[in-house]
Protein backbone atom coordinates (compact mmCIF):
# COMPACT_ATOMS: atom_id res chain seq x y z
CA GLN A 1 -11.31 0.13 9.96
CA LEU A 2 -8.79 1.28 7.37
CA GLN A 3 -9.20 4.40 5.26
CA ALA A 4 -6.96 4.91 2.24
CA CYS A 5 -6.59 8.24 0.50
CA GLY A 6 -4.20 10.23 -1.63
CA GLY A 7 -4.85 8.73 -5.04
CA GLY A 8 -5.34 10.81 -8.16
CA LEU A 9 -4.29 11.50 -11.71
CA VAL A 10 -0.62 12.17 -12.37
CA GLN A 11 1.63 12.24 -15.41
CA ALA A 12 4.29 9.62 -15.95
CA GLY A 13 7.37 10.47 -13.93
CA GLY A 14 5.34 12.20 -11.26
CA SER A 15 4.77 11.38 -7.61
CA LEU A 16 1.91 10.64 -5.26
CA ARG A 17 1.72 9.85 -1.56
CA LEU A 18 -0.94 7.49 -0.33
CA SER A 19 -2.05 7.38 3.28
CA CYS A 20 -3.90 4.69 5.19
CA SER A 21 -5.47 5.66 8.52
CA ALA A 22 -6.48 2.99 11.01
CA SER A 23 -9.13 3.07 13.69
CA GLY A 24 -10.85 0.60 15.95
CA ARG A 25 -7.83 -1.67 16.35
CA THR A 26 -4.38 -1.40 17.89
CA PHE A 27 -2.46 -0.28 14.83
CA ARG A 28 0.98 -1.07 16.20
CA ASN A 29 0.05 -4.73 16.61
CA TYR A 30 -0.40 -5.19 12.87
CA HIS A 31 1.96 -5.64 9.99
CA MET A 32 0.66 -3.45 7.19
CA GLY A 33 0.68 -3.72 3.43
CA TRP A 34 -0.32 -2.14 0.16
CA PHE A 35 -1.82 -4.07 -2.72
CA ARG A 36 -3.11 -2.90 -6.07
CA GLN A 37 -5.52 -4.12 -8.69
CA ALA A 38 -5.62 -2.96 -12.28
CA PRO A 39 -8.70 -3.51 -14.49
CA GLY A 40 -8.92 -7.10 -15.62
CA LYS A 41 -6.00 -8.19 -13.45
CA GLU A 42 -5.63 -9.93 -10.13
CA ARG A 43 -4.80 -8.03 -6.98
CA GLU A 44 -1.03 -7.86 -6.54
CA PHE A 45 1.31 -7.13 -3.67
CA VAL A 46 3.08 -3.77 -3.69
CA ALA A 47 4.83 -3.34 -0.34
CA ALA A 48 4.65 -4.28 3.32
CA VAL A 49 5.95 -2.84 6.55
CA SER A 50 6.32 -4.94 9.68
CA ARG A 51 5.27 -3.98 13.17
CA SER A 52 8.90 -2.99 13.81
CA GLY A 53 9.27 -1.06 10.55
CA GLY A 54 10.99 -3.57 8.29
CA ASN A 55 10.06 -3.13 4.63
CA THR A 56 9.39 -5.50 1.75
CA TYR A 57 8.72 -4.46 -1.85
CA ALA A 58 7.54 -6.04 -5.05
CA ASP A 59 10.30 -6.05 -7.67
CA SER A 60 8.20 -3.83 -9.92
CA VAL A 61 8.29 -0.93 -7.44
CA LYS A 62 11.70 -1.30 -5.79
CA GLY A 63 13.67 1.91 -5.91
CA ARG A 64 10.57 3.95 -6.78
CA PHE A 65 8.15 3.41 -3.90
CA ALA A 66 8.73 3.77 -0.17
CA ILE A 67 6.45 2.40 2.52
CA SER A 68 6.46 3.75 6.06
CA ARG A 69 4.31 3.90 9.16
CA ASP A 70 3.72 6.27 12.05
CA ASN A 71 2.30 4.31 14.96
CA ALA A 72 1.64 7.48 16.94
CA LYS A 73 -0.70 8.62 14.18
CA ASN A 74 -2.10 5.15 13.39
CA THR A 75 -1.18 5.80 9.78
CA MET A 76 0.76 4.07 7.02
CA TYR A 77 2.13 5.76 3.93
CA LEU A 78 3.22 4.85 0.43
CA GLN A 79 5.41 7.40 -1.32
CA MET A 80 5.31 6.68 -5.03
CA ASN A 81 7.93 8.32 -7.26
CA SER A 82 8.79 7.95 -10.93
CA LEU A 83 5.31 6.70 -11.61
CA LYS A 84 4.64 4.74 -14.78
CA PRO A 85 1.40 4.11 -16.67
CA GLU A 86 1.60 0.47 -15.56
CA ASP A 87 1.26 1.65 -11.95
CA THR A 88 -2.34 2.62 -12.74
CA ALA A 89 -4.61 0.66 -10.41
CA VAL A 90 -6.82 0.83 -7.37
CA TYR A 91 -4.54 0.73 -4.34
CA TYR A 92 -5.67 -1.02 -1.16
CA CYS A 93 -4.19 -0.99 2.31
CA ALA A 94 -4.45 -3.99 4.59
CA GLY A 95 -3.45 -5.21 8.03
CA SER A 96 -2.04 -8.58 9.05
CA THR A 97 -1.17 -10.51 12.20
CA ASN A 98 0.26 -13.32 10.09
CA VAL A 99 3.99 -14.09 10.00
CA GLN A 100 3.53 -14.51 6.24
CA TYR A 101 2.58 -10.84 5.86
CA ASN A 102 5.54 -10.24 3.53
CA SER A 103 4.93 -13.30 1.38
CA GLY A 104 3.00 -11.27 -1.17
CA ARG A 105 -0.19 -13.23 -0.58
CA SER A 106 -3.32 -11.24 0.07
CA SER A 107 -4.69 -14.20 2.05
CA ALA A 108 -2.16 -13.34 4.79
CA TYR A 109 -4.06 -10.14 5.55
CA ASP A 110 -6.90 -9.96 8.05
CA TYR A 111 -8.58 -6.70 7.24
CA TRP A 112 -8.76 -4.32 4.35
CA GLY A 113 -9.56 -0.75 3.58
CA GLN A 114 -11.44 0.59 0.60
CA GLY A 115 -9.29 1.38 -2.39
CA THR A 116 -8.00 4.64 -3.76
CA GLN A 117 -7.58 5.11 -7.50
CA VAL A 118 -4.17 5.96 -8.94
CA THR A 119 -4.06 6.85 -12.62
CA VAL A 120 -0.79 7.57 -14.40
CA SER A 121 -1.04 9.12 -17.84
CA SER A 122 1.65 8.70 -20.49
């Protein structure tokens, strides 16, 4: 089970830190990722972190977001800085055992958490 939290309402230029806590599975065995879905749009890839800590980012968030994981705490994080109104979406965390975990495809992920809403006002 994955539990995402940390969303909220923030002004443009502000920051938020999302967390995703895992239970019931061996967290360190999974590559982890963040996706987001804005109203009326398809779910899109945001960032991924491999089992060994290697990171991949969508071009739209490079230089602004940072993904990390703490295997001792079974938790993944997404630090979001310089937020823009277009970052407004429901953010989902997901786990993958697939070598294509950093392809950007949601189909590469095996299990998902519930979303947390991020709203960025202009």
